[in-house]
C-alpha cells in the first residue's frame, strides 16, 4: 500500500510515538491514585491519552468526584514523571532511523503535542533528537488542543506546507482525530491504545512501528 500523496513534511506526536512516556504517566498515575487511597482503572487512564491537561483533569474528576484533590494529584504525578525523566526516557523503536530517512529525503518535520514545551524538553532533551525537528508545537501555541485540529494546523503553518501534503504520525485516538480533521494523511502507530474501526477509517495506514513508516517513504 502506498500513500495517497507524496508527503512534503511529517508531523509527529510526542508521547507514545517518539518517546516511551505513556507507560511512565500510566504507572505514575496508578501509584499516585494508590497513595490517595484510590484504585485507578486502566480504562480511565486510556480515556485521557492524547488529551490536553484540563480535559484529562475532567476525566479524573468525573470518575472520582468533584472533591478529588486534582491539584495535589497532578503535582504528585509530575514528581513521579520528573524522576523518570531524570533517569532518561527511551525513544520508541525506529525514531532515529526514520529521522535519518527524512534527512536523506530533505523532508521538514515538526512535533505537535498536547504537552508543554517544558515537558518536550524533559522528555526528549536528553535524547538529542530535538534539534532534528524544524518546529515544536506544544500547549500554549494553539487555542484548542487535540482532538481538535489546531496543533496540526499550526505545525503545517510553521513548516510552510499545506496540511494535505503533511504526513501525521500518531499513537492515540484523539491524536488521530486531530490530524485527520486537519486534512493530513494520518498513520496510527499504536502504543497503549488498540486501533478501532474508527481509527482504520481515519487513517491511511495502521503501522506496527516507525520502521514500517520509514518503509513507505524510503
Protein backbone atom coordinates (compact mmCIF):
# COMPACT_ATOMS: atom_id res chain seq x y z
CA UNK A 1 0.00 0.00 0.00
CA UNK A 2 1.34 3.42 -0.95
CA UNK A 3 0.43 6.80 0.50
CA UNK A 4 -2.27 8.79 -1.34
CA UNK A 5 0.16 11.67 -1.94
CA UNK A 6 3.92 12.10 -1.69
CA UNK A 7 4.49 13.82 1.66
CA UNK A 8 6.26 17.17 1.70
CA UNK A 9 6.54 17.20 5.51
CA UNK A 10 6.00 14.93 8.50
CA UNK A 11 4.32 15.90 11.79
CA UNK A 12 4.98 13.74 14.84
CA UNK A 13 3.09 13.37 18.07
CA UNK A 14 5.46 13.06 21.04
CA UNK A 15 4.29 10.91 23.97
CA UNK A 16 3.87 7.28 22.97
CA UNK A 17 5.06 7.98 19.42
CA UNK A 18 8.54 9.47 19.72
CA UNK A 19 9.24 8.52 23.32
CA UNK A 20 8.00 5.84 25.69
CA UNK A 21 6.30 8.21 28.12
CA UNK A 22 2.73 6.93 28.12
CA UNK A 23 3.78 3.98 30.29
CA UNK A 24 5.56 6.43 32.60
CA UNK A 25 2.40 8.51 33.01
CA UNK A 26 0.30 5.39 33.45
CA UNK A 27 2.47 4.00 36.21
CA UNK A 28 2.82 7.43 37.85
CA UNK A 29 -0.94 7.96 37.92
CA UNK A 30 -1.61 4.47 39.26
CA UNK A 31 0.94 4.98 42.03
CA UNK A 32 -0.39 8.43 42.94
CA UNK A 33 -4.01 7.27 42.98
CA UNK A 34 -2.99 4.46 45.31
CA UNK A 35 -1.25 6.98 47.59
CA UNK A 36 -4.58 8.82 47.76
CA UNK A 37 -6.39 5.57 48.61
CA UNK A 38 -7.95 5.11 45.18
CA UNK A 39 -7.77 2.40 42.57
CA UNK A 40 -7.39 4.00 39.13
CA UNK A 41 -8.78 1.75 36.39
CA UNK A 42 -6.80 1.33 33.19
CA UNK A 43 -9.87 2.40 31.22
CA UNK A 44 -9.75 5.82 32.90
CA UNK A 45 -6.12 6.31 32.01
CA UNK A 46 -6.72 5.23 28.42
CA UNK A 47 -9.54 7.76 28.09
CA UNK A 48 -7.01 10.51 28.91
CA UNK A 49 -4.37 9.59 26.34
CA UNK A 50 -3.83 12.37 23.84
CA UNK A 51 -5.97 14.90 25.69
CA UNK A 52 -4.74 18.30 26.91
CA UNK A 53 -4.39 18.73 30.67
CA UNK A 54 -7.75 20.35 31.52
CA UNK A 55 -9.67 17.67 29.61
CA UNK A 56 -7.68 14.95 31.37
CA UNK A 57 -8.47 16.56 34.72
CA UNK A 58 -12.16 16.49 33.84
CA UNK A 59 -11.97 12.74 33.16
CA UNK A 60 -10.41 12.18 36.59
CA UNK A 61 -12.99 14.36 38.37
CA UNK A 62 -15.85 12.69 36.53
CA UNK A 63 -14.61 9.34 37.79
CA UNK A 64 -13.53 10.10 41.37
CA UNK A 65 -15.86 13.02 42.11
CA UNK A 66 -15.59 16.80 42.26
CA UNK A 67 -13.95 16.73 45.71
CA UNK A 68 -10.99 14.72 44.42
CA UNK A 69 -7.75 16.69 45.14
CA UNK A 70 -6.83 17.13 41.48
CA UNK A 71 -4.12 19.76 42.04
CA UNK A 72 -2.30 17.62 44.61
CA UNK A 73 -2.77 14.56 42.39
CA UNK A 74 -1.23 16.31 39.37
CA UNK A 75 1.66 17.66 41.42
CA UNK A 76 2.50 14.22 42.74
CA UNK A 77 2.20 12.64 39.26
CA UNK A 78 4.61 15.29 37.99
CA UNK A 79 7.09 14.34 40.72
CA UNK A 80 6.98 10.70 39.63
CA UNK A 81 7.40 11.69 35.96
CA UNK A 82 10.30 14.04 36.72
CA UNK A 83 12.14 11.21 38.47
CA UNK A 84 11.67 9.05 35.38
CA UNK A 85 12.85 11.88 33.12
CA UNK A 86 15.98 12.29 35.21
CA UNK A 87 16.76 8.64 34.59
CA UNK A 88 16.11 9.19 30.88
CA UNK A 89 13.11 8.38 28.67
CA UNK A 90 13.58 5.76 25.96
CA UNK A 91 12.88 6.63 22.34
CA UNK A 92 10.38 4.43 20.56
CA UNK A 93 11.66 1.86 18.09
CA UNK A 94 12.66 3.34 14.75
CA UNK A 95 12.79 7.04 15.67
CA UNK A 96 16.45 7.59 14.75
CA UNK A 97 16.21 5.58 11.55
CA UNK A 98 13.09 7.48 10.45
CA UNK A 99 14.74 10.83 11.15
CA UNK A 100 17.77 9.69 9.14
CA UNK A 101 15.47 8.88 6.22
CA UNK A 102 13.78 12.28 6.47
CA UNK A 103 17.22 13.90 6.41
CA UNK A 104 18.12 11.94 3.29
CA UNK A 105 14.85 12.96 1.63
CA UNK A 106 15.24 16.56 2.84
CA UNK A 107 11.72 16.48 4.33
CA UNK A 108 10.91 19.04 7.04
CA UNK A 109 9.33 17.78 10.22
CA UNK A 110 7.59 19.08 13.34
CA UNK A 111 6.30 17.87 16.69
CA UNK A 112 2.64 18.57 17.56
CA UNK A 113 1.91 17.65 21.16
CA UNK A 114 -0.64 18.25 23.91
CA UNK A 115 2.24 18.56 26.37
CA UNK A 116 4.01 21.77 27.37
CA UNK A 117 7.31 23.00 25.93
CA UNK A 118 8.84 22.21 29.33
CA UNK A 119 7.64 18.63 29.04
CA UNK A 120 9.02 18.37 25.50
CA UNK A 121 12.44 19.37 26.81
CA UNK A 122 12.14 17.00 29.78
CA UNK A 123 11.02 14.03 27.69
CA UNK A 124 13.27 14.48 24.65
CA UNK A 125 16.09 16.77 25.75
CA UNK A 126 18.47 14.03 26.78
CA UNK A 127 17.85 12.01 23.60
CA UNK A 128 19.49 14.59 21.34
CA UNK A 129 16.71 14.47 18.72
CA UNK A 130 15.08 17.86 19.36
CA UNK A 131 17.45 19.82 17.06
CA UNK A 132 16.40 17.48 14.24
CA UNK A 133 12.89 19.00 14.18
CA UNK A 134 12.15 22.22 12.35
CA UNK A 135 9.28 23.21 14.66
CA UNK A 136 7.83 22.18 18.01
CA UNK A 137 4.15 22.93 18.57
CA UNK A 138 3.14 22.47 22.21
CA UNK A 139 0.47 23.57 24.66
CA UNK A 140 0.14 27.34 24.51
CA UNK A 141 0.88 27.54 20.78
CA UNK A 142 -2.73 26.88 19.77
CA UNK A 143 -6.21 27.62 21.07
CA UNK A 144 -7.90 24.20 21.07
CA UNK A 145 -6.00 21.02 21.83
CA UNK A 146 -6.49 17.53 20.43
CA UNK A 147 -8.88 16.09 19.29
CA UNK A 148 -9.28 19.48 17.59
CA UNK A 149 -7.07 20.03 14.52
CA UNK A 150 -5.36 23.19 15.83
CA UNK A 151 -1.99 21.63 16.83
CA UNK A 152 -1.55 20.03 13.42
CA UNK A 153 -2.73 23.09 11.50
CA UNK A 154 -0.22 25.20 13.44
CA UNK A 155 2.54 22.70 12.65
CA UNK A 156 1.72 22.84 8.93
CA UNK A 157 1.72 26.64 9.09
CA UNK A 158 5.14 26.71 10.81
CA UNK A 159 6.58 24.32 8.23
CA UNK A 160 5.02 26.22 5.34
CA UNK A 161 3.40 23.08 3.92
CA UNK A 162 -0.29 22.64 3.12
CA UNK A 163 -1.88 20.15 5.56
CA UNK A 164 -2.91 17.74 2.78
CA UNK A 165 0.77 17.26 1.90
CA UNK A 166 1.75 16.55 5.52
CA UNK A 167 2.06 13.03 6.89
CA UNK A 168 0.91 12.89 10.53
CA UNK A 169 2.09 10.15 12.88
CA UNK A 170 0.03 9.46 15.99
CA UNK A 171 -0.46 6.75 18.61
CA UNK A 172 -3.66 7.98 20.30
CA UNK A 173 -7.26 8.04 19.16
CA UNK A 174 -7.60 11.75 19.99
CA UNK A 175 -4.41 12.50 18.09
CA UNK A 176 -5.62 10.62 15.03
CA UNK A 177 -8.90 12.54 15.17
CA UNK A 178 -6.97 15.82 15.34
CA UNK A 179 -4.60 15.01 12.49
CA UNK A 180 -7.31 13.61 10.25
CA UNK A 181 -9.60 16.60 10.82
CA UNK A 182 -6.65 18.85 9.89
CA UNK A 183 -6.69 17.15 6.50
CA UNK A 184 -3.39 15.34 6.90
CA UNK A 185 -2.53 11.86 5.70
CA UNK A 186 -2.58 10.08 9.06
CA UNK A 187 -0.81 6.93 10.19
CA UNK A 188 -1.52 5.43 13.59
CA UNK A 189 1.36 3.66 15.29
CA UNK A 190 -0.42 2.09 18.28
CA UNK A 191 1.17 2.27 21.72
CA UNK A 192 -1.23 1.65 24.63
CA UNK A 193 -4.42 2.00 22.59
CA UNK A 194 -5.55 -0.53 20.03
CA UNK A 195 -6.83 0.72 16.68
CA UNK A 196 -10.61 0.77 16.44
CA UNK A 197 -12.83 0.69 13.39
CA UNK A 198 -12.93 4.49 13.60
CA UNK A 199 -9.12 4.64 13.53
CA UNK A 200 -8.95 2.40 10.48
CA UNK A 201 -11.43 4.72 8.74
CA UNK A 202 -9.49 7.89 9.62
CA UNK A 203 -6.01 6.59 8.86
CA UNK A 204 -4.28 5.82 5.59
CA UNK A 205 -2.48 3.04 7.45
CA UNK A 206 -2.08 1.40 10.85
CA UNK A 207 1.66 0.74 11.22
CA UNK A 208 3.33 -1.67 13.61
CA UNK A 209 6.21 0.73 14.29
CA UNK A 210 8.18 3.62 12.82
CA UNK A 211 10.31 1.23 10.76
CA UNK A 212 7.15 0.42 8.81
CA UNK A 213 6.51 4.13 8.32
CA UNK A 214 10.06 4.58 7.06
CA UNK A 215 9.48 1.85 4.51
CA UNK A 216 6.67 3.91 2.99
CA UNK A 217 8.98 6.88 2.49
CA UNK A 218 12.34 5.43 1.53
